[in-house]
Amino acid sequence: MKARGARSKIQTLSGLEAKLVHSRSRGQRIVFTNGCFDLLHVGHVRSLESARALGDLLIVAVNLDASVRRAKGADRPINPARARMEIVAALDSVDWVIGFAADTPIRLIRRLRPDVLAKGGDWSFDSIVGREEVEAAGGRVVRLPIVSGLGSTRTIEDIRRQPARRKR
């Protein structure tokens, strides 16, 4: 069997919609989550594994660079969107990755109509974008467990606080 490369998991909206028609015809449950994934850490990996366990296929929407800058500040992202998308796509728990430029993934959620919307436990139910749309369509929203003390923002701050290392 031919190995499936990470880049092949990165989809356009129209391509992903076509794949979902086939997946739904087979009765597969679609899970959707989103994030910046600037510096991938174990919290991301565990969250994505937990999200994937909620259904048959996991779609991960990744904020494109301008969206990350608006959310996190002018000095972010550290890694460009294409690299972040490919790294996320390389995880076994992830079936497809799609980028989005808006501040929220609401357009994608409305178009893709996931059965399950998963978001980190640091988000309250009321603040989860797409919750109303997913629940109105008969789907469910799940808050995923978070790994305490981990986060890209914290890691970047820790790195920036370290004194410059001298070359030997």
Protein backbone atom coordinates (compact mmCIF):
# COMPACT_ATOMS: atom_id res chain seq x y z
CA MET A 1 0.00 0.00 0.00
CA LYS A 2 1.32 3.44 -0.92
CA ALA A 3 2.19 5.72 2.01
CA ARG A 4 0.11 8.87 2.28
CA GLY A 5 2.27 11.97 2.65
CA ALA A 6 1.39 14.83 4.96
CA ARG A 7 1.05 17.31 2.08
CA SER A 8 -1.67 15.19 0.50
CA LYS A 9 -3.80 15.77 3.60
CA ILE A 10 -3.85 19.56 3.03
CA GLN A 11 -7.08 20.37 1.24
CA THR A 12 -8.96 23.20 -0.42
CA LEU A 13 -12.52 23.84 0.69
CA SER A 14 -14.03 22.45 -2.52
CA GLY A 15 -11.79 19.38 -2.39
CA LEU A 16 -12.67 18.74 1.22
CA GLU A 17 -16.39 19.16 0.57
CA ALA A 18 -16.17 16.51 -2.17
CA LYS A 19 -14.33 14.10 0.16
CA LEU A 20 -16.97 14.63 2.84
CA VAL A 21 -19.79 13.66 0.46
CA HIS A 22 -18.11 10.29 0.04
CA SER A 23 -17.33 9.96 3.77
CA ARG A 24 -20.90 10.75 4.79
CA SER A 25 -22.27 8.24 2.27
CA ARG A 26 -20.26 5.64 4.18
CA GLY A 27 -21.73 6.79 7.50
CA GLN A 28 -18.51 8.23 8.84
CA ARG A 29 -18.65 10.73 11.71
CA ILE A 30 -16.75 13.96 10.96
CA VAL A 31 -14.90 15.82 13.74
CA PHE A 32 -13.66 19.40 13.31
CA THR A 33 -11.23 21.46 15.37
CA ASN A 34 -9.09 24.50 14.74
CA GLY A 35 -6.13 26.49 16.02
CA CYS A 36 -2.90 28.30 15.23
CA PHE A 37 -0.53 25.40 16.02
CA ASP A 38 2.43 27.79 15.89
CA LEU A 39 4.86 25.64 17.88
CA LEU A 40 3.47 22.13 18.07
CA HIS A 41 3.71 20.68 21.59
CA VAL A 42 2.43 17.64 23.47
CA GLY A 43 -0.77 19.48 24.44
CA HIS A 44 -1.60 19.88 20.76
CA VAL A 45 -0.84 16.22 20.06
CA ARG A 46 -3.02 15.00 22.92
CA SER A 47 -5.88 17.33 22.01
CA LEU A 48 -5.84 16.18 18.41
CA GLU A 49 -5.76 12.53 19.48
CA SER A 50 -8.72 13.17 21.81
CA ALA A 51 -10.61 14.95 19.02
CA ARG A 52 -9.97 12.09 16.58
CA ALA A 53 -11.32 9.59 19.11
CA LEU A 54 -14.70 11.37 18.90
CA GLY A 55 -15.36 10.24 15.34
CA ASP A 56 -14.09 8.56 12.20
CA LEU A 57 -12.32 11.48 10.51
CA LEU A 58 -10.63 14.58 11.91
CA ILE A 59 -10.46 17.88 10.04
CA VAL A 60 -8.07 20.47 11.49
CA ALA A 61 -8.46 24.08 10.37
CA VAL A 62 -5.25 26.09 10.80
CA ASN A 63 -5.22 29.89 11.06
CA LEU A 64 -3.27 31.46 8.20
CA ASP A 65 -0.52 33.96 9.05
CA ALA A 66 -2.52 37.21 9.00
CA SER A 67 -5.17 35.61 11.21
CA VAL A 68 -2.52 34.54 13.72
CA ARG A 69 -1.05 38.06 13.77
CA ARG A 70 -4.46 39.52 14.54
CA ALA A 71 -5.03 36.99 17.34
CA LYS A 72 -1.54 36.72 18.85
CA GLY A 73 0.33 39.91 17.89
CA ALA A 74 2.68 41.27 15.24
CA ASP A 75 5.55 38.94 16.19
CA ARG A 76 3.53 35.80 15.49
CA PRO A 77 3.40 33.30 13.95
CA ILE A 78 6.89 31.93 14.43
CA ASN A 79 6.35 29.37 11.65
CA PRO A 80 4.58 30.16 8.36
CA ALA A 81 1.14 28.70 7.66
CA ARG A 82 2.26 26.15 5.09
CA ALA A 83 4.81 24.66 7.51
CA ARG A 84 2.32 24.61 10.39
CA MET A 85 -0.27 22.91 8.20
CA GLU A 86 2.17 20.25 7.02
CA ILE A 87 3.36 19.50 10.56
CA VAL A 88 -0.23 19.09 11.78
CA ALA A 89 -1.03 16.95 8.73
CA ALA A 90 1.89 14.63 9.57
CA LEU A 91 0.13 13.48 12.75
CA ASP A 92 -1.61 10.10 12.50
CA SER A 93 -4.69 11.42 14.27
CA VAL A 94 -5.32 14.03 11.56
CA ASP A 95 -7.11 13.09 8.35
CA TRP A 96 -7.31 16.47 6.62
CA VAL A 97 -6.00 20.00 7.15
CA ILE A 98 -7.39 23.22 5.74
CA GLY A 99 -6.22 26.79 6.22
CA PHE A 100 -8.42 29.78 6.94
CA ALA A 101 -7.68 33.51 6.80
CA ALA A 102 -10.64 34.83 8.79
CA ASP A 103 -10.54 35.51 12.52
CA THR A 104 -12.80 32.50 13.14
CA PRO A 105 -13.52 29.26 11.26
CA ILE A 106 -17.29 29.88 11.16
CA ARG A 107 -17.45 29.83 7.34
CA LEU A 108 -15.70 26.45 7.27
CA ILE A 109 -17.95 25.04 9.98
CA ARG A 110 -21.05 26.15 8.09
CA ARG A 111 -19.81 24.66 4.82
CA LEU A 112 -18.34 21.43 6.18
CA ARG A 113 -21.12 20.69 8.70
CA PRO A 114 -19.13 18.51 11.12
CA ASP A 115 -20.89 16.02 13.35
CA VAL A 116 -18.62 16.96 16.24
CA LEU A 117 -16.95 20.29 16.97
CA ALA A 118 -14.01 19.87 19.36
CA LYS A 119 -12.20 22.71 21.08
CA GLY A 120 -9.74 22.96 23.95
CA GLY A 121 -11.08 22.94 27.48
CA ASP A 122 -9.75 26.45 27.99
CA TRP A 123 -12.70 27.67 25.87
CA SER A 124 -16.10 28.02 27.51
CA PHE A 125 -19.03 26.48 25.63
CA ASP A 126 -20.48 29.94 25.02
CA SER A 127 -17.28 31.16 23.37
CA ILE A 128 -16.82 28.22 20.97
CA VAL A 129 -17.38 29.55 17.47
CA GLY A 130 -19.77 27.32 15.51
CA ARG A 131 -21.36 25.74 18.57
CA GLU A 132 -24.86 26.94 17.73
CA GLU A 133 -24.61 25.82 14.10
CA VAL A 134 -23.32 22.34 14.95
CA GLU A 135 -25.88 21.78 17.70
CA ALA A 136 -28.73 23.08 15.51
CA ALA A 137 -27.78 20.48 12.90
CA GLY A 138 -27.92 17.68 15.51
CA GLY A 139 -24.18 17.55 16.15
CA ARG A 140 -22.36 17.95 19.41
CA VAL A 141 -19.66 20.19 20.84
CA VAL A 142 -16.93 18.76 23.03
CA ARG A 143 -14.41 20.60 25.19
CA LEU A 144 -11.14 18.66 25.12
CA PRO A 145 -8.90 18.17 28.16
CA ILE A 146 -5.94 20.53 28.28
CA VAL A 147 -2.41 19.73 29.38
CA SER A 148 -1.61 22.18 32.16
CA GLY A 149 1.41 24.43 31.76
CA LEU A 150 1.81 23.97 28.03
CA GLY A 151 1.19 26.42 25.23
CA SER A 152 2.95 27.95 22.26
CA THR A 153 2.71 31.45 23.72
CA ARG A 154 4.28 30.33 26.99
CA THR A 155 7.04 28.41 25.19
CA ILE A 156 7.88 31.43 23.02
CA GLU A 157 7.96 33.70 26.10
CA ASP A 158 10.28 31.25 27.87
CA ILE A 159 12.65 31.18 24.87
CA ARG A 160 12.68 34.97 24.62
CA ARG A 161 13.52 35.31 28.34
CA GLN A 162 16.61 33.13 28.04
CA PRO A 163 19.91 35.02 27.81
CA ALA A 164 21.59 34.91 24.41
CA ARG A 165 23.77 31.84 24.17
CA ARG A 166 27.40 32.43 23.33
CA LYS A 167 28.94 30.65 20.40
CA ARG A 168 31.85 28.43 21.37
